[in-house]
Amino acid sequence: INANTESEDRNFLKMKIIFDLQNSYPDCVPFFRLKNLSPDYMDNKFLDRCETILRERAEECIGSSMLFEMCDLIKEKITAVNDEVL
């Protein structure tokens, strides 16, 4: 996930989400891992907050497809950090 997909010149921060979907998905929260591809700007504390926010959002979305919404939420978070860096 890139912080800013509008302009390559302004795209500094990146994060990867790895999903592992259970057979009962979307009736459960998927297993996921976040991989920080911009460690100079995002620390472990930020990753922990992102994981918590993602789990909360997934809980709210049980019963419906949620992967796009989870990715979009992370994009918003890293774009905010990216804008601060700029």
PDB file of N, CA and C in Angstrom:
ATOM      1  N   ILE A   1       0.867  -1.163   0.000  1.00  0.00           N
ATOM      2  CA  ILE A   1       0.000   0.000   0.000  1.00  0.00           C
ATOM      3  C   ILE A   1       0.907   1.217   0.000  1.00  0.00           C
ATOM      4  N   ASN A   2       0.679   2.092  -0.932  1.00  0.00           N
ATOM      5  CA  ASN A   2       1.449   3.321  -1.043  1.00  0.00           C
ATOM      6  C   ASN A   2       0.694   4.464  -0.389  1.00  0.00           C
ATOM      7  N   ALA A   3       1.436   5.367   0.220  1.00  0.00           N
ATOM      8  CA  ALA A   3       0.816   6.494   0.908  1.00  0.00           C
ATOM      9  C   ALA A   3       0.077   7.400  -0.058  1.00  0.00           C
ATOM     10  N   ASN A   4       0.612   7.578  -1.242  1.00  0.00           N
ATOM     11  CA  ASN A   4       0.012   8.509  -2.176  1.00  0.00           C
ATOM     12  C   ASN A   4       0.106   7.913  -3.574  1.00  0.00           C
ATOM     13  N   THR A   5      -1.025   7.548  -4.142  1.00  0.00           N
ATOM     14  CA  THR A   5      -1.007   6.949  -5.473  1.00  0.00           C
ATOM     15  C   THR A   5      -1.190   7.984  -6.573  1.00  0.00           C
ATOM     16  N   GLU A   6      -1.391   9.229  -6.205  1.00  0.00           N
ATOM     17  CA  GLU A   6      -1.614  10.273  -7.207  1.00  0.00           C
ATOM     18  C   GLU A   6      -0.330  10.702  -7.887  1.00  0.00           C
ATOM     19  N   SER A   7       0.754  10.721  -7.154  1.00  0.00           N
ATOM     20  CA  SER A   7       2.023  11.204  -7.698  1.00  0.00           C
ATOM     21  C   SER A   7       3.173  10.361  -7.174  1.00  0.00           C
ATOM     22  N   GLU A   8       3.934   9.784  -8.065  1.00  0.00           N
ATOM     23  CA  GLU A   8       5.095   8.988  -7.657  1.00  0.00           C
ATOM     24  C   GLU A   8       6.109   9.845  -6.900  1.00  0.00           C
ATOM     25  N   ASP A   9       6.212  11.128  -7.242  1.00  0.00           N
ATOM     26  CA  ASP A   9       7.193  12.005  -6.608  1.00  0.00           C
ATOM     27  C   ASP A   9       6.902  12.240  -5.127  1.00  0.00           C
ATOM     28  N   ARG A  10       5.658  12.129  -4.738  1.00  0.00           N
ATOM     29  CA  ARG A  10       5.268  12.427  -3.369  1.00  0.00           C
ATOM     30  C   ARG A  10       4.953  11.168  -2.575  1.00  0.00           C
ATOM     31  N   ASN A  11       5.310  10.025  -3.114  1.00  0.00           N
ATOM     32  CA  ASN A  11       4.985   8.752  -2.500  1.00  0.00           C
ATOM     33  C   ASN A  11       6.204   8.217  -1.749  1.00  0.00           C
ATOM     34  N   PHE A  12       6.264   8.469  -0.455  1.00  0.00           N
ATOM     35  CA  PHE A  12       7.414   8.062   0.333  1.00  0.00           C
ATOM     36  C   PHE A  12       7.157   6.807   1.156  1.00  0.00           C
ATOM     37  N   LEU A  13       5.994   6.690   1.740  1.00  0.00           N
ATOM     38  CA  LEU A  13       5.733   5.628   2.702  1.00  0.00           C
ATOM     39  C   LEU A  13       4.985   4.462   2.078  1.00  0.00           C
ATOM     40  N   LYS A  14       5.394   3.266   2.490  1.00  0.00           N
ATOM     41  CA  LYS A  14       4.768   2.054   1.973  1.00  0.00           C
ATOM     42  C   LYS A  14       4.628   1.036   3.091  1.00  0.00           C
ATOM     43  N   MET A  15       3.552   0.256   3.002  1.00  0.00           N
ATOM     44  CA  MET A  15       3.310  -0.797   3.954  1.00  0.00           C
ATOM     45  C   MET A  15       2.675  -1.967   3.209  1.00  0.00           C
ATOM     46  N   LYS A  16       2.973  -3.160   3.663  1.00  0.00           N
ATOM     47  CA  LYS A  16       2.387  -4.352   3.062  1.00  0.00           C
ATOM     48  C   LYS A  16       1.465  -4.998   4.084  1.00  0.00           C
ATOM     49  N   ILE A  17       0.283  -5.432   3.632  1.00  0.00           N
ATOM     50  CA  ILE A  17      -0.631  -6.202   4.474  1.00  0.00           C
ATOM     51  C   ILE A  17      -0.713  -7.598   3.872  1.00  0.00           C
ATOM     52  N   ILE A  18      -0.478  -8.579   4.706  1.00  0.00           N
ATOM     53  CA  ILE A  18      -0.560  -9.972   4.270  1.00  0.00           C
ATOM     54  C   ILE A  18      -1.768 -10.592   4.971  1.00  0.00           C
ATOM     55  N   PHE A  19      -2.744 -11.020   4.180  1.00  0.00           N
ATOM     56  CA  PHE A  19      -3.963 -11.613   4.720  1.00  0.00           C
ATOM     57  C   PHE A  19      -3.909 -13.123   4.618  1.00  0.00           C
ATOM     58  N   ASP A  20      -4.468 -13.785   5.608  1.00  0.00           N
ATOM     59  CA  ASP A  20      -4.664 -15.225   5.597  1.00  0.00           C
ATOM     60  C   ASP A  20      -6.139 -15.447   5.924  1.00  0.00           C
ATOM     61  N   LEU A  21      -6.909 -15.807   4.907  1.00  0.00           N
ATOM     62  CA  LEU A  21      -8.357 -15.923   5.072  1.00  0.00           C
ATOM     63  C   LEU A  21      -8.752 -17.323   5.515  1.00  0.00           C
ATOM     64  N   GLN A  22      -9.565 -17.400   6.546  1.00  0.00           N
ATOM     65  CA  GLN A  22     -10.094 -18.651   7.023  1.00  0.00           C
ATOM     66  C   GLN A  22     -11.259 -19.080   6.132  1.00  0.00           C
ATOM     67  N   ASN A  23     -11.658 -20.337   6.242  1.00  0.00           N
ATOM     68  CA  ASN A  23     -12.791 -20.839   5.462  1.00  0.00           C
ATOM     69  C   ASN A  23     -14.081 -20.103   5.803  1.00  0.00           C
ATOM     70  N   SER A  24     -14.190 -19.601   7.018  1.00  0.00           N
ATOM     71  CA  SER A  24     -15.416 -18.924   7.436  1.00  0.00           C
ATOM     72  C   SER A  24     -15.446 -17.432   7.084  1.00  0.00           C
ATOM     73  N   TYR A  25     -14.384 -16.924   6.427  1.00  0.00           N
ATOM     74  CA  TYR A  25     -14.390 -15.516   6.002  1.00  0.00           C
ATOM     75  C   TYR A  25     -15.556 -15.312   5.041  1.00  0.00           C
ATOM     76  N   PRO A  26     -16.319 -14.262   5.141  1.00  0.00           N
ATOM     77  CA  PRO A  26     -16.184 -13.005   5.895  1.00  0.00           C
ATOM     78  C   PRO A  26     -16.902 -12.985   7.238  1.00  0.00           C
ATOM     79  N   ASP A  27     -17.244 -14.161   7.746  1.00  0.00           N
ATOM     80  CA  ASP A  27     -17.941 -14.215   9.032  1.00  0.00           C
ATOM     81  C   ASP A  27     -16.983 -14.236  10.216  1.00  0.00           C
ATOM     82  N   CYS A  28     -15.734 -13.888   9.972  1.00  0.00           N
ATOM     83  CA  CYS A  28     -14.732 -13.793  11.041  1.00  0.00           C
ATOM     84  C   CYS A  28     -13.694 -12.755  10.617  1.00  0.00           C
ATOM     85  N   VAL A  29     -12.922 -12.332  11.573  1.00  0.00           N
ATOM     86  CA  VAL A  29     -11.842 -11.387  11.294  1.00  0.00           C
ATOM     87  C   VAL A  29     -10.688 -12.168  10.661  1.00  0.00           C
ATOM     88  N   PRO A  30     -10.211 -11.723   9.496  1.00  0.00           N
ATOM     89  CA  PRO A  30      -9.102 -12.457   8.872  1.00  0.00           C
ATOM     90  C   PRO A  30      -7.806 -12.275   9.663  1.00  0.00           C
ATOM     91  N   PHE A  31      -6.949 -13.267   9.581  1.00  0.00           N
ATOM     92  CA  PHE A  31      -5.607 -13.111  10.130  1.00  0.00           C
ATOM     93  C   PHE A  31      -4.844 -12.187   9.188  1.00  0.00           C
ATOM     94  N   PHE A  32      -4.049 -11.284   9.751  1.00  0.00           N
ATOM     95  CA  PHE A  32      -3.259 -10.389   8.904  1.00  0.00           C
ATOM     96  C   PHE A  32      -1.977  -9.997   9.616  1.00  0.00           C
ATOM     97  N   ARG A  33      -1.000  -9.614   8.806  1.00  0.00           N
ATOM     98  CA  ARG A  33       0.275  -9.094   9.308  1.00  0.00           C
ATOM     99  C   ARG A  33       0.588  -7.819   8.544  1.00  0.00           C
ATOM    100  N   LEU A  34       1.153  -6.869   9.243  1.00  0.00           N
ATOM    101  CA  LEU A  34       1.611  -5.639   8.610  1.00  0.00           C
ATOM    102  C   LEU A  34       3.129  -5.694   8.487  1.00  0.00           C
ATOM    103  N   LYS A  35       3.616  -5.314   7.336  1.00  0.00           N
ATOM    104  CA  LYS A  35       5.064  -5.236   7.125  1.00  0.00           C
ATOM    105  C   LYS A  35       5.398  -3.793   6.774  1.00  0.00           C
ATOM    106  N   ASN A  36       6.218  -3.197   7.599  1.00  0.00           N
ATOM    107  CA  ASN A  36       6.617  -1.805   7.434  1.00  0.00           C
ATOM    108  C   ASN A  36       7.711  -1.722   6.374  1.00  0.00           C
ATOM    109  N   LEU A  37       7.430  -1.044   5.274  1.00  0.00           N
ATOM    110  CA  LEU A  37       8.415  -0.870   4.216  1.00  0.00           C
ATOM    111  C   LEU A  37       9.060   0.512   4.271  1.00  0.00           C
ATOM    112  N   SER A  38       8.745   1.281   5.313  1.00  0.00           N
ATOM    113  CA  SER A  38       9.322   2.618   5.517  1.00  0.00           C
ATOM    114  C   SER A  38       9.685   2.803   6.993  1.00  0.00           C
ATOM    115  N   PRO A  39      10.616   1.997   7.501  1.00  0.00           N
ATOM    116  CA  PRO A  39      10.915   2.044   8.939  1.00  0.00           C
ATOM    117  C   PRO A  39      11.515   3.352   9.436  1.00  0.00           C
ATOM    118  N   ASP A  40      12.034   4.174   8.538  1.00  0.00           N
ATOM    119  CA  ASP A  40      12.595   5.452   8.981  1.00  0.00           C
ATOM    120  C   ASP A  40      11.518   6.423   9.457  1.00  0.00           C
ATOM    121  N   TYR A  41      10.284   6.214   9.022  1.00  0.00           N
ATOM    122  CA  TYR A  41       9.206   7.155   9.338  1.00  0.00           C
ATOM    123  C   TYR A  41       8.083   6.548  10.164  1.00  0.00           C
ATOM    124  N   MET A  42       7.961   5.242  10.149  1.00  0.00           N
ATOM    125  CA  MET A  42       6.892   4.577  10.903  1.00  0.00           C
ATOM    126  C   MET A  42       7.540   3.567  11.842  1.00  0.00           C
ATOM    127  N   ASP A  43       7.284   3.712  13.141  1.00  0.00           N
ATOM    128  CA  ASP A  43       7.901   2.828  14.121  1.00  0.00           C
ATOM    129  C   ASP A  43       6.937   1.714  14.547  1.00  0.00           C
ATOM    130  N   ASN A  44       7.389   0.859  15.456  1.00  0.00           N
ATOM    131  CA  ASN A  44       6.569  -0.263  15.921  1.00  0.00           C
ATOM    132  C   ASN A  44       5.313   0.201  16.651  1.00  0.00           C
ATOM    133  N   LYS A  45       5.414   1.317  17.345  1.00  0.00           N
ATOM    134  CA  LYS A  45       4.254   1.864  18.042  1.00  0.00           C
ATOM    135  C   LYS A  45       3.158   2.234  17.033  1.00  0.00           C
ATOM    136  N   PHE A  46       3.559   2.823  15.918  1.00  0.00           N
ATOM    137  CA  PHE A  46       2.608   3.159  14.855  1.00  0.00           C
ATOM    138  C   PHE A  46       1.985   1.888  14.277  1.00  0.00           C
ATOM    139  N   LEU A  47       2.802   0.854  14.064  1.00  0.00           N
ATOM    140  CA  LEU A  47       2.281  -0.418  13.543  1.00  0.00           C
ATOM    141  C   LEU A  47       1.286  -1.038  14.509  1.00  0.00           C
ATOM    142  N   ASP A  48       1.572  -0.972  15.785  1.00  0.00           N
ATOM    143  CA  ASP A  48       0.644  -1.508  16.794  1.00  0.00           C
ATOM    144  C   ASP A  48      -0.689  -0.783  16.748  1.00  0.00           C
ATOM    145  N   ARG A  49      -0.638   0.540  16.632  1.00  0.00           N
ATOM    146  CA  ARG A  49      -1.888   1.316  16.537  1.00  0.00           C
ATOM    147  C   ARG A  49      -2.664   0.923  15.279  1.00  0.00           C
ATOM    148  N   CYS A  50      -1.948   0.747  14.173  1.00  0.00           N
ATOM    149  CA  CYS A  50      -2.602   0.357  12.924  1.00  0.00           C
ATOM    150  C   CYS A  50      -3.262  -1.010  13.052  1.00  0.00           C
ATOM    151  N   GLU A  51      -2.580  -1.955  13.678  1.00  0.00           N
ATOM    152  CA  GLU A  51      -3.158  -3.284  13.868  1.00  0.00           C
ATOM    153  C   GLU A  51      -4.424  -3.217  14.713  1.00  0.00           C
ATOM    154  N   THR A  52      -4.389  -2.417  15.761  1.00  0.00           N
ATOM    155  CA  THR A  52      -5.570  -2.272  16.625  1.00  0.00           C
ATOM    156  C   THR A  52      -6.737  -1.677  15.852  1.00  0.00           C
ATOM    157  N   ILE A  53      -6.472  -0.632  15.090  1.00  0.00           N
ATOM    158  CA  ILE A  53      -7.514   0.016  14.293  1.00  0.00           C
ATOM    159  C   ILE A  53      -8.084  -0.955  13.258  1.00  0.00           C
ATOM    160  N   LEU A  54      -7.208  -1.734  12.635  1.00  0.00           N
ATOM    161  CA  LEU A  54      -7.671  -2.712  11.634  1.00  0.00           C
ATOM    162  C   LEU A  54      -8.551  -3.785  12.260  1.00  0.00           C
ATOM    163  N   ARG A  55      -8.156  -4.279  13.420  1.00  0.00           N
ATOM    164  CA  ARG A  55      -8.967  -5.306  14.089  1.00  0.00           C
ATOM    165  C   ARG A  55     -10.339  -4.751  14.465  1.00  0.00           C
ATOM    166  N   GLU A  56     -10.376  -3.524  14.958  1.00  0.00           N
ATOM    167  CA  GLU A  56     -11.658  -2.902  15.316  1.00  0.00           C
ATOM    168  C   GLU A  56     -12.542  -2.756  14.084  1.00  0.00           C
ATOM    169  N   ARG A  57     -11.970  -2.292  12.980  1.00  0.00           N
ATOM    170  CA  ARG A  57     -12.749  -2.124  11.752  1.00  0.00           C
ATOM    171  C   ARG A  57     -13.253  -3.474  11.236  1.00  0.00           C
ATOM    172  N   ALA A  58     -12.395  -4.487  11.293  1.00  0.00           N
ATOM    173  CA  ALA A  58     -12.787  -5.821  10.835  1.00  0.00           C
ATOM    174  C   ALA A  58     -13.936  -6.367  11.684  1.00  0.00           C
ATOM    175  N   GLU A  59     -13.882  -6.137  12.993  1.00  0.00           N
ATOM    176  CA  GLU A  59     -14.971  -6.573  13.876  1.00  0.00           C
ATOM    177  C   GLU A  59     -16.293  -5.921  13.460  1.00  0.00           C
ATOM    178  N   GLU A  60     -16.235  -4.649  13.088  1.00  0.00           N
ATOM    179  CA  GLU A  60     -17.437  -3.924  12.665  1.00  0.00           C
ATOM    180  C   GLU A  60     -17.993  -4.460  11.348  1.00  0.00           C
ATOM    181  N   CYS A  61     -17.123  -5.035  10.526  1.00  0.00           N
ATOM    182  CA  CYS A  61     -17.501  -5.463   9.176  1.00  0.00           C
ATOM    183  C   CYS A  61     -17.759  -6.958   9.043  1.00  0.00           C
ATOM    184  N   ILE A  62     -17.786  -7.680  10.161  1.00  0.00           N
ATOM    185  CA  ILE A  62     -18.009  -9.125  10.080  1.00  0.00           C
ATOM    186  C   ILE A  62     -19.311  -9.387   9.330  1.00  0.00           C
ATOM    187  N   GLY A  63     -19.234 -10.319   8.390  1.00  0.00           N
ATOM    188  CA  GLY A  63     -20.399 -10.665   7.585  1.00  0.00           C
ATOM    189  C   GLY A  63     -20.366 -10.053   6.198  1.00  0.00           C
ATOM    190  N   SER A  64     -19.431  -9.137   5.979  1.00  0.00           N
ATOM    191  CA  SER A  64     -19.302  -8.524   4.652  1.00  0.00           C
ATOM    192  C   SER A  64     -17.826  -8.509   4.251  1.00  0.00           C
ATOM    193  N   SER A  65     -17.580  -8.355   2.974  1.00  0.00           N
ATOM    194  CA  SER A  65     -16.198  -8.278   2.505  1.00  0.00           C
ATOM    195  C   SER A  65     -15.534  -7.051   3.115  1.00  0.00           C
ATOM    196  N   MET A  66     -14.351  -7.231   3.654  1.00  0.00           N
ATOM    197  CA  MET A  66     -13.733  -6.137   4.395  1.00  0.00           C
ATOM    198  C   MET A  66     -12.297  -5.848   3.984  1.00  0.00           C
ATOM    199  N   LEU A  67     -11.715  -6.642   3.118  1.00  0.00           N
ATOM    200  CA  LEU A  67     -10.305  -6.472   2.798  1.00  0.00           C
ATOM    201  C   LEU A  67     -10.013  -5.110   2.179  1.00  0.00           C
ATOM    202  N   PHE A  68     -10.823  -4.690   1.215  1.00  0.00           N
ATOM    203  CA  PHE A  68     -10.606  -3.382   0.594  1.00  0.00           C
ATOM    204  C   PHE A  68     -10.724  -2.274   1.636  1.00  0.00           C
ATOM    205  N   GLU A  69     -11.720  -2.378   2.494  1.00  0.00           N
ATOM    206  CA  GLU A  69     -11.916  -1.350   3.521  1.00  0.00           C
ATOM    207  C   GLU A  69     -10.729  -1.299   4.487  1.00  0.00           C
ATOM    208  N   MET A  70     -10.178  -2.443   4.834  1.00  0.00           N
ATOM    209  CA  MET A  70      -9.020  -2.484   5.723  1.00  0.00           C
ATOM    210  C   MET A  70      -7.797  -1.862   5.043  1.00  0.00           C
ATOM    211  N   CYS A  71      -7.604  -2.176   3.778  1.00  0.00           N
ATOM    212  CA  CYS A  71      -6.481  -1.592   3.036  1.00  0.00           C
ATOM    213  C   CYS A  71      -6.634  -0.086   2.902  1.00  0.00           C
ATOM    214  N   ASP A  72      -7.844   0.355   2.630  1.00  0.00           N
ATOM    215  CA  ASP A  72      -8.106   1.787   2.484  1.00  0.00           C
ATOM    216  C   ASP A  72      -7.855   2.524   3.806  1.00  0.00           C
ATOM    217  N   LEU A  73      -8.211   1.905   4.900  1.00  0.00           N
ATOM    218  CA  LEU A  73      -7.981   2.505   6.217  1.00  0.00           C
ATOM    219  C   LEU A  73      -6.489   2.693   6.472  1.00  0.00           C
ATOM    220  N   ILE A  74      -5.685   1.691   6.145  1.00  0.00           N
ATOM    221  CA  ILE A  74      -4.231   1.800   6.324  1.00  0.00           C
ATOM    222  C   ILE A  74      -3.661   2.863   5.397  1.00  0.00           C
ATOM    223  N   LYS A  75      -4.180   2.928   4.192  1.00  0.00           N
ATOM    224  CA  LYS A  75      -3.704   3.951   3.261  1.00  0.00           C
ATOM    225  C   LYS A  75      -3.939   5.343   3.840  1.00  0.00           C
ATOM    226  N   GLU A  76      -5.097   5.569   4.439  1.00  0.00           N
ATOM    227  CA  GLU A  76      -5.388   6.861   5.074  1.00  0.00           C
ATOM    228  C   GLU A  76      -4.370   7.170   6.171  1.00  0.00           C
ATOM    229  N   LYS A  77      -4.060   6.172   6.998  1.00  0.00           N
ATOM    230  CA  LYS A  77      -3.135   6.381   8.125  1.00  0.00           C
ATOM    231  C   LYS A  77      -1.724   6.706   7.641  1.00  0.00           C
ATOM    232  N   ILE A  78      -1.231   5.961   6.659  1.00  0.00           N
ATOM    233  CA  ILE A  78       0.134   6.235   6.215  1.00  0.00           C
ATOM    234  C   ILE A  78       0.204   7.494   5.343  1.00  0.00           C
ATOM    235  N   THR A  79      -0.901   7.841   4.688  1.00  0.00           N
ATOM    236  CA  THR A  79      -0.918   9.100   3.919  1.00  0.00           C
ATOM    237  C   THR A  79      -0.824  10.281   4.878  1.00  0.00           C
ATOM    238  N   ALA A  80      -1.475  10.189   6.035  1.00  0.00           N
ATOM    239  CA  ALA A  80      -1.387  11.271   7.025  1.00  0.00           C
ATOM    240  C   ALA A  80       0.065  11.432   7.494  1.00  0.00           C
ATOM    241  N   VAL A  81       0.758  10.329   7.738  1.00  0.00           N
ATOM    242  CA  VAL A  81       2.159  10.393   8.145  1.00  0.00           C
ATOM    243  C   VAL A  81       2.998  10.938   6.997  1.00  0.00           C
ATOM    244  N   ASN A  82       2.714  10.486   5.789  1.00  0.00           N
ATOM    245  CA  ASN A  82       3.439  10.951   4.598  1.00  0.00           C
ATOM    246  C   ASN A  82       3.315  12.466   4.449  1.00  0.00           C
ATOM    247  N   ASP A  83       2.109  12.983   4.653  1.00  0.00           N
ATOM    248  CA  ASP A  83       1.894  14.435   4.545  1.00  0.00           C
ATOM    249  C   ASP A  83       2.695  15.193   5.604  1.00  0.00           C
ATOM    250  N   GLU A  84       2.821  14.605   6.815  1.00  0.00           N
ATOM    251  CA  GLU A  84       3.633  15.230   7.860  1.00  0.00           C
ATOM    252  C   GLU A  84       5.101  15.262   7.463  1.00  0.00           C
ATOM    253  N   VAL A  85       5.567  14.185   6.822  1.00  0.00           N
ATOM    254  CA  VAL A  85       6.956  14.104   6.406  1.00  0.00           C
ATOM    255  C   VAL A  85       7.258  15.172   5.349  1.00  0.00           C
ATOM    256  N   LEU A  86       6.312  15.376   4.435  1.00  0.00           N
ATOM    257  CA  LEU A  86       6.511  16.370   3.393  1.00  0.00           C
ATOM    258  C   LEU A  86       6.523  17.767   3.977  1.00  0.00           C
TER     259      LEU A  86
END
